């Protein structure tokens, strides 16, 4: 990976939804669905779904900061998921669906904490933000069939009902950052 590219890992519910959105963002070089911040090395999807591994479903984003800032990536993140629901997004419930920003250095941690403080001060959310901001730990890629799931299965029920509306919300709110 060229030195000009950075990575950030985000958890905001099912990784299919985050993948669907960030695959459409200018400056995002790659999106990889995976698992992070749990206790089991190289867990399977089935293990993560039990809620006993401690992992979150995440997307690992490689991005070009010359095209998109971490702040912009996080602004998108806070629009496309609900950071006030603990261990849940919509009908998906369990600790694997928690909201999280998993950083690789202190500057990323600071950007994440700053944007959360600004959102709290703005009063945009009526409930407390429960997004965890932690160092990336014990990351592993998800199985191949989870990668680019929305792009490969746009007519699958979950994609139509949950992921597609998030993509539409992103395109409407962040048109200037959308590919296509």
N, C-alpha and C. Protein backbone atom coordinates (compact mmCIF):
# COMPACT_ATOMS: atom_id res chain seq x y z
N UNK A 1 0.85 -1.18 0.00
CA UNK A 1 0.00 0.00 0.00
C UNK A 1 0.90 1.24 0.00
N UNK A 2 0.67 2.17 -0.91
CA UNK A 2 1.48 3.39 -0.95
C UNK A 2 1.34 4.17 0.36
N UNK A 3 2.42 4.85 0.72
CA UNK A 3 2.43 5.60 1.98
C UNK A 3 1.35 6.67 2.03
N UNK A 4 0.90 7.15 0.87
CA UNK A 4 -0.11 8.20 0.83
C UNK A 4 -1.49 7.69 1.24
N UNK A 5 -1.68 6.40 1.30
CA UNK A 5 -2.98 5.86 1.67
C UNK A 5 -3.03 5.57 3.17
N UNK A 6 -4.19 5.81 3.75
CA UNK A 6 -4.43 5.57 5.16
C UNK A 6 -5.52 4.51 5.31
N UNK A 7 -5.65 3.95 6.51
CA UNK A 7 -6.74 3.01 6.78
C UNK A 7 -7.49 3.45 8.03
N UNK A 8 -8.77 3.13 8.05
CA UNK A 8 -9.62 3.29 9.23
C UNK A 8 -10.61 2.15 9.20
N UNK A 9 -10.99 1.67 10.35
CA UNK A 9 -11.91 0.54 10.45
C UNK A 9 -13.14 0.99 11.24
N UNK A 10 -14.32 0.72 10.67
CA UNK A 10 -15.57 1.20 11.23
C UNK A 10 -16.57 0.07 11.42
N UNK A 11 -17.28 0.11 12.54
CA UNK A 11 -18.37 -0.82 12.79
C UNK A 11 -19.65 -0.02 12.98
N UNK A 12 -20.66 -0.35 12.21
CA UNK A 12 -21.92 0.37 12.31
C UNK A 12 -23.09 -0.51 11.90
N UNK A 13 -23.17 -1.68 12.50
CA UNK A 13 -24.19 -2.64 12.12
C UNK A 13 -23.61 -3.66 11.17
N UNK A 14 -24.44 -4.20 10.33
CA UNK A 14 -24.02 -5.22 9.37
C UNK A 14 -22.99 -4.64 8.41
N UNK A 15 -21.91 -5.36 8.21
CA UNK A 15 -20.87 -4.84 7.33
C UNK A 15 -21.31 -4.72 5.88
N UNK A 16 -22.34 -5.44 5.48
CA UNK A 16 -22.84 -5.31 4.10
C UNK A 16 -23.29 -3.88 3.83
N UNK A 17 -23.92 -3.24 4.82
CA UNK A 17 -24.42 -1.87 4.64
C UNK A 17 -23.27 -0.88 4.51
N UNK A 18 -22.30 -0.98 5.39
CA UNK A 18 -21.16 -0.06 5.33
C UNK A 18 -20.39 -0.25 4.03
N UNK A 19 -20.19 -1.50 3.64
CA UNK A 19 -19.51 -1.81 2.38
C UNK A 19 -20.26 -1.18 1.21
N UNK A 20 -21.59 -1.33 1.21
CA UNK A 20 -22.41 -0.80 0.12
C UNK A 20 -22.22 0.70 -0.05
N UNK A 21 -22.14 1.42 1.05
CA UNK A 21 -21.98 2.88 0.99
C UNK A 21 -20.56 3.26 0.62
N UNK A 22 -19.59 2.77 1.37
CA UNK A 22 -18.21 3.23 1.17
C UNK A 22 -17.62 2.80 -0.17
N UNK A 23 -18.18 1.78 -0.80
CA UNK A 23 -17.75 1.41 -2.15
C UNK A 23 -18.11 2.48 -3.17
N UNK A 24 -19.01 3.39 -2.79
CA UNK A 24 -19.48 4.45 -3.69
C UNK A 24 -18.88 5.82 -3.36
N UNK A 25 -17.86 5.87 -2.50
CA UNK A 25 -17.30 7.13 -2.03
C UNK A 25 -15.99 7.45 -2.75
N UNK A 26 -15.90 8.65 -3.29
CA UNK A 26 -14.66 9.11 -3.93
C UNK A 26 -13.53 9.10 -2.91
N UNK A 27 -12.38 8.63 -3.33
CA UNK A 27 -11.21 8.62 -2.47
C UNK A 27 -11.03 7.35 -1.66
N UNK A 28 -12.07 6.51 -1.61
CA UNK A 28 -11.93 5.22 -0.92
C UNK A 28 -11.31 4.25 -1.94
N UNK A 29 -10.15 3.76 -1.61
CA UNK A 29 -9.42 2.88 -2.52
C UNK A 29 -9.88 1.43 -2.42
N UNK A 30 -10.21 0.99 -1.22
CA UNK A 30 -10.73 -0.37 -1.05
C UNK A 30 -11.56 -0.45 0.23
N UNK A 31 -12.50 -1.38 0.20
CA UNK A 31 -13.37 -1.67 1.34
C UNK A 31 -13.29 -3.17 1.57
N UNK A 32 -12.97 -3.55 2.80
CA UNK A 32 -12.90 -4.97 3.13
C UNK A 32 -13.77 -5.23 4.35
N UNK A 33 -14.73 -6.13 4.22
CA UNK A 33 -15.55 -6.53 5.36
C UNK A 33 -14.74 -7.45 6.24
N UNK A 34 -14.89 -7.28 7.55
CA UNK A 34 -14.13 -8.12 8.47
C UNK A 34 -14.68 -8.08 9.87
N UNK A 35 -13.86 -8.55 10.79
CA UNK A 35 -14.21 -8.64 12.20
C UNK A 35 -13.06 -8.02 13.00
N UNK A 36 -13.39 -7.25 14.03
CA UNK A 36 -12.32 -6.67 14.84
C UNK A 36 -12.73 -6.54 16.30
N UNK A 37 -11.70 -6.31 17.08
CA UNK A 37 -11.82 -5.98 18.50
C UNK A 37 -12.53 -7.05 19.32
N UNK A 38 -12.23 -8.29 18.96
CA UNK A 38 -12.73 -9.42 19.74
C UNK A 38 -11.58 -10.22 20.31
N UNK A 39 -11.92 -11.37 20.89
CA UNK A 39 -10.94 -12.17 21.62
C UNK A 39 -10.46 -13.41 20.88
N UNK A 40 -11.12 -13.79 19.80
CA UNK A 40 -10.78 -15.02 19.09
C UNK A 40 -9.99 -14.67 17.83
N UNK A 41 -8.89 -15.37 17.60
CA UNK A 41 -8.12 -15.14 16.38
C UNK A 41 -8.84 -15.76 15.18
N UNK A 42 -8.96 -15.00 14.12
CA UNK A 42 -9.55 -15.48 12.86
C UNK A 42 -10.92 -16.15 13.06
N UNK A 43 -11.88 -15.44 13.64
CA UNK A 43 -13.19 -16.07 13.86
C UNK A 43 -13.94 -16.25 12.54
N UNK A 44 -14.88 -17.16 12.55
CA UNK A 44 -15.77 -17.34 11.40
C UNK A 44 -17.01 -16.48 11.61
N UNK A 45 -17.76 -16.28 10.55
CA UNK A 45 -19.01 -15.53 10.63
C UNK A 45 -19.94 -16.18 11.66
N UNK A 46 -20.02 -17.48 11.61
CA UNK A 46 -20.90 -18.20 12.53
C UNK A 46 -20.49 -17.96 13.98
N UNK A 47 -19.18 -17.95 14.26
CA UNK A 47 -18.71 -17.68 15.62
C UNK A 47 -19.05 -16.25 16.04
N UNK A 48 -18.83 -15.29 15.15
CA UNK A 48 -19.11 -13.89 15.47
C UNK A 48 -20.59 -13.70 15.75
N UNK A 49 -21.44 -14.36 14.98
CA UNK A 49 -22.89 -14.22 15.14
C UNK A 49 -23.40 -14.72 16.50
N UNK A 50 -22.63 -15.55 17.18
CA UNK A 50 -23.06 -16.01 18.50
C UNK A 50 -22.94 -14.89 19.53
N UNK A 51 -22.13 -13.86 19.22
CA UNK A 51 -21.90 -12.78 20.17
C UNK A 51 -20.89 -13.12 21.24
N UNK A 52 -20.30 -14.31 21.17
CA UNK A 52 -19.37 -14.75 22.22
C UNK A 52 -17.90 -14.48 21.90
N UNK A 53 -17.58 -14.02 20.69
CA UNK A 53 -16.17 -13.76 20.35
C UNK A 53 -15.75 -12.34 20.72
N UNK A 54 -16.74 -11.47 20.94
CA UNK A 54 -16.44 -10.07 21.25
C UNK A 54 -16.17 -9.21 20.03
N UNK A 55 -16.21 -9.79 18.85
CA UNK A 55 -15.91 -9.04 17.62
C UNK A 55 -17.08 -8.19 17.17
N UNK A 56 -16.74 -7.11 16.46
CA UNK A 56 -17.72 -6.30 15.76
C UNK A 56 -17.59 -6.61 14.27
N UNK A 57 -18.71 -6.59 13.56
CA UNK A 57 -18.66 -6.62 12.10
C UNK A 57 -18.20 -5.23 11.67
N UNK A 58 -17.17 -5.18 10.84
CA UNK A 58 -16.56 -3.90 10.46
C UNK A 58 -16.24 -3.86 8.98
N UNK A 59 -15.92 -2.65 8.53
CA UNK A 59 -15.29 -2.49 7.22
C UNK A 59 -13.96 -1.79 7.44
N UNK A 60 -12.95 -2.30 6.79
CA UNK A 60 -11.63 -1.69 6.81
C UNK A 60 -11.50 -0.89 5.52
N UNK A 61 -11.35 0.41 5.68
CA UNK A 61 -11.30 1.31 4.53
C UNK A 61 -9.86 1.75 4.28
N UNK A 62 -9.42 1.63 3.05
CA UNK A 62 -8.15 2.22 2.62
C UNK A 62 -8.56 3.45 1.82
N UNK A 63 -8.02 4.61 2.20
CA UNK A 63 -8.43 5.84 1.54
C UNK A 63 -7.25 6.75 1.24
N UNK A 64 -7.47 7.62 0.27
CA UNK A 64 -6.48 8.60 -0.13
C UNK A 64 -6.84 9.93 0.52
N UNK A 65 -6.09 10.37 1.53
CA UNK A 65 -6.43 11.60 2.23
C UNK A 65 -6.31 12.84 1.35
N UNK A 66 -5.71 12.71 0.17
CA UNK A 66 -5.69 13.80 -0.79
C UNK A 66 -7.02 13.97 -1.49
N UNK A 67 -7.87 12.95 -1.42
CA UNK A 67 -9.19 12.99 -2.06
C UNK A 67 -10.34 13.08 -1.06
N UNK A 68 -10.15 12.48 0.10
CA UNK A 68 -11.19 12.50 1.13
C UNK A 68 -10.51 12.48 2.50
N UNK A 69 -11.02 13.28 3.40
CA UNK A 69 -10.44 13.34 4.74
C UNK A 69 -11.10 12.31 5.65
N UNK A 70 -10.39 11.98 6.72
CA UNK A 70 -10.99 11.10 7.72
C UNK A 70 -12.24 11.74 8.29
N UNK A 71 -12.22 13.02 8.48
CA UNK A 71 -13.41 13.72 8.98
C UNK A 71 -14.61 13.49 8.06
N UNK A 72 -14.43 13.60 6.75
CA UNK A 72 -15.53 13.37 5.81
C UNK A 72 -16.01 11.93 5.89
N UNK A 73 -15.08 10.99 6.01
CA UNK A 73 -15.46 9.57 6.14
C UNK A 73 -16.33 9.38 7.39
N UNK A 74 -15.95 10.03 8.47
CA UNK A 74 -16.72 9.90 9.71
C UNK A 74 -18.04 10.66 9.66
N UNK A 75 -18.08 11.76 8.93
CA UNK A 75 -19.36 12.46 8.74
C UNK A 75 -20.35 11.54 8.03
N UNK A 76 -19.89 10.84 7.01
CA UNK A 76 -20.73 9.86 6.32
C UNK A 76 -21.19 8.79 7.30
N UNK A 77 -20.25 8.26 8.06
CA UNK A 77 -20.51 7.21 9.04
C UNK A 77 -21.65 7.59 9.99
N UNK A 78 -21.62 8.82 10.49
CA UNK A 78 -22.64 9.22 11.46
C UNK A 78 -23.99 9.54 10.82
N UNK A 79 -24.03 9.67 9.52
CA UNK A 79 -25.30 9.88 8.82
C UNK A 79 -25.95 8.54 8.45
N UNK A 80 -25.14 7.54 8.12
CA UNK A 80 -25.70 6.29 7.58
C UNK A 80 -26.00 5.22 8.64
N UNK A 81 -25.69 5.49 9.90
CA UNK A 81 -26.08 4.53 10.94
C UNK A 81 -26.49 5.30 12.19
N UNK A 82 -27.09 4.60 13.12
CA UNK A 82 -27.55 5.22 14.36
C UNK A 82 -26.52 4.97 15.46
N UNK A 83 -25.75 6.00 15.83
CA UNK A 83 -24.71 5.81 16.84
C UNK A 83 -25.25 5.82 18.27
N UNK A 84 -26.56 5.85 18.43
CA UNK A 84 -27.15 5.90 19.77
C UNK A 84 -27.75 4.58 20.22
N UNK A 85 -27.71 3.56 19.38
CA UNK A 85 -28.27 2.26 19.77
C UNK A 85 -27.14 1.32 20.15
N UNK A 86 -27.18 0.84 21.37
CA UNK A 86 -26.14 -0.02 21.89
C UNK A 86 -26.32 -1.44 21.34
N UNK A 87 -25.29 -1.92 20.66
CA UNK A 87 -25.28 -3.30 20.15
C UNK A 87 -26.46 -3.61 19.23
N UNK A 88 -26.82 -2.63 18.40
CA UNK A 88 -27.94 -2.86 17.49
C UNK A 88 -27.95 -1.80 16.39
N UNK A 89 -28.47 -2.20 15.25
CA UNK A 89 -28.80 -1.30 14.15
C UNK A 89 -30.08 -1.86 13.54
N UNK A 90 -31.15 -1.11 13.65
CA UNK A 90 -32.42 -1.59 13.11
C UNK A 90 -32.81 -2.91 13.75
N UNK A 91 -33.10 -3.91 12.91
CA UNK A 91 -33.50 -5.22 13.42
C UNK A 91 -32.32 -6.13 13.74
N UNK A 92 -31.09 -5.66 13.49
CA UNK A 92 -29.90 -6.45 13.80
C UNK A 92 -29.49 -6.16 15.24
N UNK A 93 -29.48 -7.19 16.07
CA UNK A 93 -29.15 -7.03 17.49
C UNK A 93 -28.04 -7.98 17.88
N UNK A 94 -27.14 -7.50 18.72
CA UNK A 94 -26.01 -8.28 19.21
C UNK A 94 -24.77 -7.40 19.23
N UNK A 95 -23.81 -7.77 20.05
CA UNK A 95 -22.62 -6.94 20.20
C UNK A 95 -21.82 -6.83 18.91
N UNK A 96 -21.99 -7.76 17.99
CA UNK A 96 -21.28 -7.69 16.71
C UNK A 96 -21.79 -6.53 15.85
N UNK A 97 -22.93 -5.95 16.19
CA UNK A 97 -23.51 -4.84 15.42
C UNK A 97 -23.28 -3.49 16.10
N UNK A 98 -22.37 -3.44 17.05
CA UNK A 98 -22.12 -2.20 17.78
C UNK A 98 -21.49 -1.14 16.88
N UNK A 99 -21.62 0.09 17.32
CA UNK A 99 -21.03 1.23 16.63
C UNK A 99 -19.62 1.44 17.15
N UNK A 100 -18.66 1.48 16.23
CA UNK A 100 -17.27 1.65 16.65
C UNK A 100 -16.39 2.27 15.60
N UNK A 101 -15.43 3.03 16.07
CA UNK A 101 -14.37 3.59 15.23
C UNK A 101 -13.07 3.02 15.79
N UNK A 102 -12.37 2.25 14.96
CA UNK A 102 -11.18 1.55 15.39
C UNK A 102 -9.98 2.16 14.66
N UNK A 103 -9.21 2.91 15.41
CA UNK A 103 -8.15 3.74 14.83
C UNK A 103 -6.79 3.04 14.88
N UNK A 104 -5.86 3.58 14.06
CA UNK A 104 -4.51 3.04 14.02
C UNK A 104 -3.47 4.01 14.59
N UNK A 105 -3.87 5.25 14.87
CA UNK A 105 -2.93 6.19 15.48
C UNK A 105 -3.68 7.28 16.25
N UNK A 106 -2.91 8.05 17.02
CA UNK A 106 -3.51 9.07 17.89
C UNK A 106 -4.23 10.17 17.11
N UNK A 107 -3.77 10.49 15.91
CA UNK A 107 -4.45 11.53 15.14
C UNK A 107 -5.85 11.08 14.72
N UNK A 108 -6.01 9.81 14.36
CA UNK A 108 -7.33 9.29 14.03
C UNK A 108 -8.23 9.28 15.26
N UNK A 109 -7.68 8.91 16.39
CA UNK A 109 -8.44 8.93 17.64
C UNK A 109 -8.95 10.34 17.92
N UNK A 110 -8.11 11.33 17.72
CA UNK A 110 -8.49 12.71 18.00
C UNK A 110 -9.60 13.18 17.07
N UNK A 111 -9.50 12.87 15.78
CA UNK A 111 -10.55 13.26 14.84
C UNK A 111 -11.87 12.62 15.25
N UNK A 112 -11.84 11.35 15.61
CA UNK A 112 -13.07 10.65 16.02
C UNK A 112 -13.66 11.28 17.27
N UNK A 113 -12.84 11.54 18.26
CA UNK A 113 -13.34 12.14 19.50
C UNK A 113 -13.87 13.55 19.26
N UNK A 114 -13.20 14.31 18.41
CA UNK A 114 -13.65 15.67 18.10
C UNK A 114 -15.02 15.67 17.45
N UNK A 115 -15.22 14.81 16.46
CA UNK A 115 -16.51 14.81 15.75
C UNK A 115 -17.63 14.34 16.68
N UNK A 116 -17.35 13.38 17.55
CA UNK A 116 -18.37 12.94 18.51
C UNK A 116 -18.71 14.07 19.46
N UNK A 117 -17.72 14.79 19.96
CA UNK A 117 -17.98 15.93 20.85
C UNK A 117 -18.82 17.00 20.15
N UNK A 118 -18.52 17.24 18.87
CA UNK A 118 -19.29 18.23 18.11
C UNK A 118 -20.73 17.78 17.93
N UNK A 119 -20.94 16.50 17.65
CA UNK A 119 -22.30 15.97 17.49
C UNK A 119 -23.08 16.06 18.79
N UNK A 120 -22.43 15.73 19.90
CA UNK A 120 -23.09 15.83 21.21
C UNK A 120 -23.47 17.28 21.47
N UNK A 121 -22.55 18.21 21.25
CA UNK A 121 -22.81 19.63 21.49
C UNK A 121 -23.91 20.18 20.60
N UNK A 122 -24.04 19.62 19.40
CA UNK A 122 -25.05 20.11 18.45
C UNK A 122 -26.47 19.74 18.87
N UNK A 123 -26.61 18.69 19.65
CA UNK A 123 -27.93 18.23 20.07
C UNK A 123 -28.70 17.50 18.97
N UNK A 124 -28.01 17.12 17.90
CA UNK A 124 -28.68 16.44 16.78
C UNK A 124 -29.30 15.11 17.20
N UNK A 125 -28.67 14.44 18.17
CA UNK A 125 -29.21 13.18 18.67
C UNK A 125 -29.87 13.43 20.03
N UNK A 126 -31.03 12.82 20.23
CA UNK A 126 -31.74 13.00 21.50
C UNK A 126 -31.27 12.01 22.56
N UNK A 127 -30.55 10.97 22.11
CA UNK A 127 -30.01 9.97 23.04
C UNK A 127 -28.48 10.04 22.99
N UNK A 128 -27.81 9.53 24.01
CA UNK A 128 -26.35 9.57 24.03
C UNK A 128 -25.73 8.76 22.88
N UNK A 129 -24.62 9.24 22.35
CA UNK A 129 -23.85 8.51 21.34
C UNK A 129 -23.08 7.41 22.07
N UNK A 130 -23.21 6.16 21.60
CA UNK A 130 -22.56 5.03 22.25
C UNK A 130 -21.43 4.45 21.40
N UNK A 131 -21.03 5.16 20.37
CA UNK A 131 -19.95 4.71 19.49
C UNK A 131 -18.66 4.56 20.30
N UNK A 132 -18.06 3.37 20.25
CA UNK A 132 -16.78 3.20 20.93
C UNK A 132 -15.66 3.67 20.02
N UNK A 133 -14.65 4.28 20.61
CA UNK A 133 -13.47 4.75 19.88
C UNK A 133 -12.28 4.05 20.54
N UNK A 134 -11.75 3.05 19.83
CA UNK A 134 -10.71 2.19 20.39
C UNK A 134 -9.63 1.89 19.36
N UNK A 135 -8.44 1.53 19.82
CA UNK A 135 -7.41 1.08 18.87
C UNK A 135 -7.89 -0.18 18.15
N UNK A 136 -7.54 -0.31 16.89
CA UNK A 136 -7.87 -1.51 16.13
C UNK A 136 -7.12 -2.69 16.76
N UNK A 137 -7.85 -3.77 16.99
CA UNK A 137 -7.27 -4.94 17.65
C UNK A 137 -7.84 -6.20 17.03
N UNK A 138 -7.00 -7.16 16.78
CA UNK A 138 -7.41 -8.50 16.37
C UNK A 138 -8.33 -8.48 15.15
N UNK A 139 -7.92 -7.74 14.11
CA UNK A 139 -8.71 -7.66 12.88
C UNK A 139 -8.45 -8.88 12.00
N UNK A 140 -9.51 -9.36 11.36
CA UNK A 140 -9.35 -10.36 10.30
C UNK A 140 -10.45 -10.13 9.27
N UNK A 141 -10.10 -10.43 8.03
CA UNK A 141 -11.06 -10.28 6.93
C UNK A 141 -12.18 -11.30 7.07
N UNK A 142 -13.37 -10.90 6.67
CA UNK A 142 -14.50 -11.82 6.63
C UNK A 142 -14.35 -12.77 5.44
N UNK A 143 -15.15 -13.78 5.44
CA UNK A 143 -15.14 -14.76 4.37
C UNK A 143 -15.40 -14.09 3.02
N UNK A 144 -14.91 -14.71 1.96
CA UNK A 144 -15.03 -14.13 0.61
C UNK A 144 -16.47 -13.78 0.23
N UNK A 145 -17.43 -14.61 0.63
CA UNK A 145 -18.80 -14.35 0.20
C UNK A 145 -19.39 -13.08 0.83
N UNK A 146 -18.74 -12.53 1.85
CA UNK A 146 -19.19 -11.26 2.44
C UNK A 146 -18.62 -10.04 1.71
N UNK A 147 -17.54 -10.23 0.95
CA UNK A 147 -16.89 -9.10 0.29
C UNK A 147 -17.76 -8.61 -0.88
N UNK A 148 -17.93 -7.30 -0.97
CA UNK A 148 -18.72 -6.70 -2.06
C UNK A 148 -20.12 -7.30 -2.14
N UNK A 149 -20.69 -7.67 -1.00
CA UNK A 149 -21.96 -8.38 -0.98
C UNK A 149 -23.08 -7.62 -1.68
N UNK A 150 -23.21 -6.34 -1.37
CA UNK A 150 -24.29 -5.54 -1.97
C UNK A 150 -24.12 -5.44 -3.48
N UNK A 151 -22.90 -5.20 -3.93
CA UNK A 151 -22.66 -5.08 -5.38
C UNK A 151 -22.99 -6.37 -6.11
N UNK A 152 -22.74 -7.50 -5.47
CA UNK A 152 -23.00 -8.79 -6.10
C UNK A 152 -24.43 -9.29 -5.90
N UNK A 153 -25.14 -8.71 -4.92
CA UNK A 153 -26.50 -9.19 -4.57
C UNK A 153 -27.47 -8.04 -4.37
N UNK A 154 -27.57 -7.11 -5.32
CA UNK A 154 -28.40 -5.91 -5.07
C UNK A 154 -29.89 -6.20 -4.89
N UNK A 155 -30.36 -7.35 -5.34
CA UNK A 155 -31.79 -7.67 -5.24
C UNK A 155 -32.10 -8.62 -4.09
N UNK A 156 -31.09 -8.97 -3.30
CA UNK A 156 -31.31 -9.80 -2.12
C UNK A 156 -32.15 -8.99 -1.14
N UNK A 157 -33.03 -9.65 -0.40
CA UNK A 157 -33.98 -8.96 0.48
C UNK A 157 -33.36 -7.97 1.45
N UNK A 158 -32.33 -8.37 2.17
CA UNK A 158 -31.68 -7.49 3.14
C UNK A 158 -31.07 -6.28 2.43
N UNK A 159 -30.47 -6.53 1.29
CA UNK A 159 -29.85 -5.43 0.54
C UNK A 159 -30.91 -4.42 0.10
N UNK A 160 -32.04 -4.90 -0.38
CA UNK A 160 -33.11 -4.00 -0.81
C UNK A 160 -33.71 -3.23 0.36
N UNK A 161 -33.93 -3.92 1.47
CA UNK A 161 -34.63 -3.31 2.60
C UNK A 161 -33.73 -2.44 3.48
N UNK A 162 -32.47 -2.80 3.62
CA UNK A 162 -31.61 -2.12 4.59
C UNK A 162 -30.44 -1.39 3.95
N UNK A 163 -29.67 -2.08 3.11
CA UNK A 163 -28.47 -1.47 2.53
C UNK A 163 -28.81 -0.40 1.49
N UNK A 164 -29.73 -0.69 0.58
CA UNK A 164 -30.05 0.26 -0.49
C UNK A 164 -30.51 1.62 0.06
N UNK A 165 -31.37 1.68 1.09
CA UNK A 165 -31.74 2.98 1.63
C UNK A 165 -30.55 3.76 2.22
N UNK A 166 -29.58 3.05 2.78
CA UNK A 166 -28.38 3.72 3.31
C UNK A 166 -27.56 4.31 2.16
N UNK A 167 -27.45 3.58 1.07
CA UNK A 167 -26.74 4.09 -0.11
C UNK A 167 -27.46 5.33 -0.64
N UNK A 168 -28.78 5.26 -0.71
CA UNK A 168 -29.56 6.40 -1.20
C UNK A 168 -29.39 7.62 -0.28
N UNK A 169 -29.39 7.40 1.02
CA UNK A 169 -29.21 8.50 1.97
C UNK A 169 -27.82 9.12 1.81
N UNK A 170 -26.81 8.27 1.64
CA UNK A 170 -25.46 8.78 1.39
C UNK A 170 -25.44 9.64 0.12
N UNK A 171 -25.98 9.12 -0.96
CA UNK A 171 -25.96 9.85 -2.25
C UNK A 171 -26.67 11.20 -2.14
N UNK A 172 -27.76 11.24 -1.40
CA UNK A 172 -28.52 12.47 -1.25
C UNK A 172 -27.76 13.48 -0.37
N UNK A 173 -27.21 13.00 0.73
CA UNK A 173 -26.56 13.89 1.70
C UNK A 173 -25.15 14.29 1.28
N UNK A 174 -24.45 13.40 0.60
CA UNK A 174 -23.04 13.64 0.24
C UNK A 174 -22.82 13.50 -1.26
N UNK A 175 -23.67 14.10 -2.06
CA UNK A 175 -23.58 13.99 -3.51
C UNK A 175 -22.19 14.33 -4.04
N UNK A 176 -21.55 15.30 -3.45
CA UNK A 176 -20.23 15.73 -3.94
C UNK A 176 -19.16 14.66 -3.73
N UNK A 177 -19.40 13.70 -2.83
CA UNK A 177 -18.43 12.65 -2.55
C UNK A 177 -18.79 11.32 -3.21
N UNK A 178 -19.90 11.29 -3.93
CA UNK A 178 -20.35 10.03 -4.53
C UNK A 178 -19.69 9.76 -5.88
N UNK A 179 -19.32 8.51 -6.09
CA UNK A 179 -18.83 8.06 -7.38
C UNK A 179 -20.02 7.96 -8.34
N UNK A 180 -19.74 7.92 -9.61
CA UNK A 180 -20.74 7.74 -10.68
C UNK A 180 -21.20 9.05 -11.19
